[in-house]
Amino acid sequence: MTLSQAIIDRILELQQERKITTNKLATLSGLAQPTVRDVLYGVSKAPKINTLLHICEGLNINLREFFNDSIFDNVVDEENDDEL
């Protein structure tokens, strides 16, 4: 799985757990709705860590909690499919 897909899947999982929509996540994160949507639809292939920080704040977790998931164990680089 690519890193960007793992990030998308993790955000969607956390949204589902908290029963919040993308619009609500954008509001809670203090980000524009198109910014969050671009991350979730894969338009933003490499979201800035600052954007992820805001999303984590909206989900009421920190970056460590976000990345502390087995989904990130075997991610690959989008450009050359090398495992990270």
C-alpha atoms as a PDB file:
ATOM      1  CA  MET A   1       0.000   0.000   0.000  1.00  0.00           C
ATOM      2  CA  THR A   2       1.266   3.485  -0.778  1.00  0.00           C
ATOM      3  CA  LEU A   3       1.858   5.994   1.989  1.00  0.00           C
ATOM      4  CA  SER A   4      -0.792   8.360   0.639  1.00  0.00           C
ATOM      5  CA  GLN A   5      -3.386   5.553   0.536  1.00  0.00           C
ATOM      6  CA  ALA A   6      -2.478   4.528   4.083  1.00  0.00           C
ATOM      7  CA  ILE A   7      -2.988   8.135   5.242  1.00  0.00           C
ATOM      8  CA  ILE A   8      -6.365   8.287   3.474  1.00  0.00           C
ATOM      9  CA  ASP A   9      -7.482   4.967   4.966  1.00  0.00           C
ATOM     10  CA  ARG A  10      -6.377   5.985   8.457  1.00  0.00           C
ATOM     11  CA  ILE A  11      -8.253   9.293   8.314  1.00  0.00           C
ATOM     12  CA  LEU A  12     -11.386   7.572   7.013  1.00  0.00           C
ATOM     13  CA  GLU A  13     -11.135   4.947   9.760  1.00  0.00           C
ATOM     14  CA  LEU A  14     -10.866   7.626  12.436  1.00  0.00           C
ATOM     15  CA  GLN A  15     -13.725   9.612  10.909  1.00  0.00           C
ATOM     16  CA  GLN A  16     -15.916   6.532  10.925  1.00  0.00           C
ATOM     17  CA  GLU A  17     -15.035   5.732  14.543  1.00  0.00           C
ATOM     18  CA  ARG A  18     -15.982   9.276  15.549  1.00  0.00           C
ATOM     19  CA  LYS A  19     -18.965   9.449  13.196  1.00  0.00           C
ATOM     20  CA  ILE A  20     -17.884  12.755  11.651  1.00  0.00           C
ATOM     21  CA  THR A  21     -18.179  13.895   8.063  1.00  0.00           C
ATOM     22  CA  THR A  22     -15.421  15.409   5.974  1.00  0.00           C
ATOM     23  CA  ASN A  23     -17.046  18.831   6.373  1.00  0.00           C
ATOM     24  CA  LYS A  24     -17.134  18.412  10.153  1.00  0.00           C
ATOM     25  CA  LEU A  25     -13.504  17.252  10.176  1.00  0.00           C
ATOM     26  CA  ALA A  26     -12.506  20.340   8.190  1.00  0.00           C
ATOM     27  CA  THR A  27     -14.306  22.571  10.689  1.00  0.00           C
ATOM     28  CA  LEU A  28     -12.782  20.804  13.698  1.00  0.00           C
ATOM     29  CA  SER A  29      -9.346  20.958  12.068  1.00  0.00           C
ATOM     30  CA  GLY A  30      -9.554  24.633  11.162  1.00  0.00           C
ATOM     31  CA  LEU A  31      -8.870  23.740   7.524  1.00  0.00           C
ATOM     32  CA  ALA A  32     -10.762  24.598   4.385  1.00  0.00           C
ATOM     33  CA  GLN A  33     -13.079  21.795   3.285  1.00  0.00           C
ATOM     34  CA  PRO A  34     -11.351  21.516  -0.125  1.00  0.00           C
ATOM     35  CA  THR A  35      -8.015  20.956   1.644  1.00  0.00           C
ATOM     36  CA  VAL A  36      -9.345  17.984   3.605  1.00  0.00           C
ATOM     37  CA  ARG A  37     -11.211  16.692   0.553  1.00  0.00           C
ATOM     38  CA  ASP A  38      -8.029  16.865  -1.558  1.00  0.00           C
ATOM     39  CA  VAL A  39      -6.200  14.738   1.017  1.00  0.00           C
ATOM     40  CA  LEU A  40      -9.033  12.183   1.187  1.00  0.00           C
ATOM     41  CA  TYR A  41      -9.499  11.960  -2.596  1.00  0.00           C
ATOM     42  CA  GLY A  42      -5.783  11.548  -3.218  1.00  0.00           C
ATOM     43  CA  VAL A  43      -5.438  14.862  -5.058  1.00  0.00           C
ATOM     44  CA  SER A  44      -2.778  15.790  -2.526  1.00  0.00           C
ATOM     45  CA  LYS A  45      -0.385  12.837  -2.909  1.00  0.00           C
ATOM     46  CA  ALA A  46       1.928  14.054  -0.168  1.00  0.00           C
ATOM     47  CA  PRO A  47       0.020  16.169   2.349  1.00  0.00           C
ATOM     48  CA  LYS A  48       2.174  18.475   4.414  1.00  0.00           C
ATOM     49  CA  ILE A  49       2.828  17.329   7.960  1.00  0.00           C
ATOM     50  CA  ASN A  50       1.278  20.593   9.132  1.00  0.00           C
ATOM     51  CA  THR A  51      -1.964  19.652   7.363  1.00  0.00           C
ATOM     52  CA  LEU A  52      -1.898  16.240   9.038  1.00  0.00           C
ATOM     53  CA  LEU A  53      -1.254  17.923  12.377  1.00  0.00           C
ATOM     54  CA  HIS A  54      -4.402  20.015  11.957  1.00  0.00           C
ATOM     55  CA  ILE A  55      -6.407  16.955  10.921  1.00  0.00           C
ATOM     56  CA  CYS A  56      -5.134  15.135  14.000  1.00  0.00           C
ATOM     57  CA  GLU A  57      -6.158  18.073  16.172  1.00  0.00           C
ATOM     58  CA  GLY A  58      -9.632  17.862  14.623  1.00  0.00           C
ATOM     59  CA  LEU A  59      -9.713  14.146  15.432  1.00  0.00           C
ATOM     60  CA  ASN A  60      -8.505  14.907  18.970  1.00  0.00           C
ATOM     61  CA  ILE A  61      -5.328  12.820  18.651  1.00  0.00           C
ATOM     62  CA  ASN A  62      -1.650  13.579  18.201  1.00  0.00           C
ATOM     63  CA  LEU A  63       0.587  12.619  15.291  1.00  0.00           C
ATOM     64  CA  ARG A  64       2.073   9.690  17.213  1.00  0.00           C
ATOM     65  CA  GLU A  65      -1.400   8.218  17.716  1.00  0.00           C
ATOM     66  CA  PHE A  66      -2.213   8.785  14.055  1.00  0.00           C
ATOM     67  CA  PHE A  67       0.850   6.940  12.764  1.00  0.00           C
ATOM     68  CA  ASN A  68       0.826   4.278  15.500  1.00  0.00           C
ATOM     69  CA  ASP A  69      -1.244   1.875  13.425  1.00  0.00           C
ATOM     70  CA  SER A  70      -0.328  -1.309  11.598  1.00  0.00           C
ATOM     71  CA  ILE A  71      -1.540   0.218   8.321  1.00  0.00           C
ATOM     72  CA  PHE A  72       1.805   2.051   8.176  1.00  0.00           C
ATOM     73  CA  ASP A  73       3.946  -1.071   8.727  1.00  0.00           C
ATOM     74  CA  ASN A  74       4.538  -1.890   5.051  1.00  0.00           C
ATOM     75  CA  VAL A  75       3.895   1.271   3.076  1.00  0.00           C
ATOM     76  CA  VAL A  76       5.687   1.859  -0.207  1.00  0.00           C
ATOM     77  CA  ASP A  77       6.917   4.966  -1.961  1.00  0.00           C
ATOM     78  CA  GLU A  78       4.444   6.050  -4.635  1.00  0.00           C
ATOM     79  CA  GLU A  79       7.145   6.918  -7.136  1.00  0.00           C
ATOM     80  CA  ASN A  80       9.256   3.785  -7.121  1.00  0.00           C
ATOM     81  CA  ASP A  81       7.324   1.202  -5.087  1.00  0.00           C
ATOM     82  CA  ASP A  82      10.182   0.773  -2.610  1.00  0.00           C
ATOM     83  CA  GLU A  83       9.079  -0.258   0.842  1.00  0.00           C
ATOM     84  CA  LEU A  84       9.707   2.501   3.375  1.00  0.00           C
END
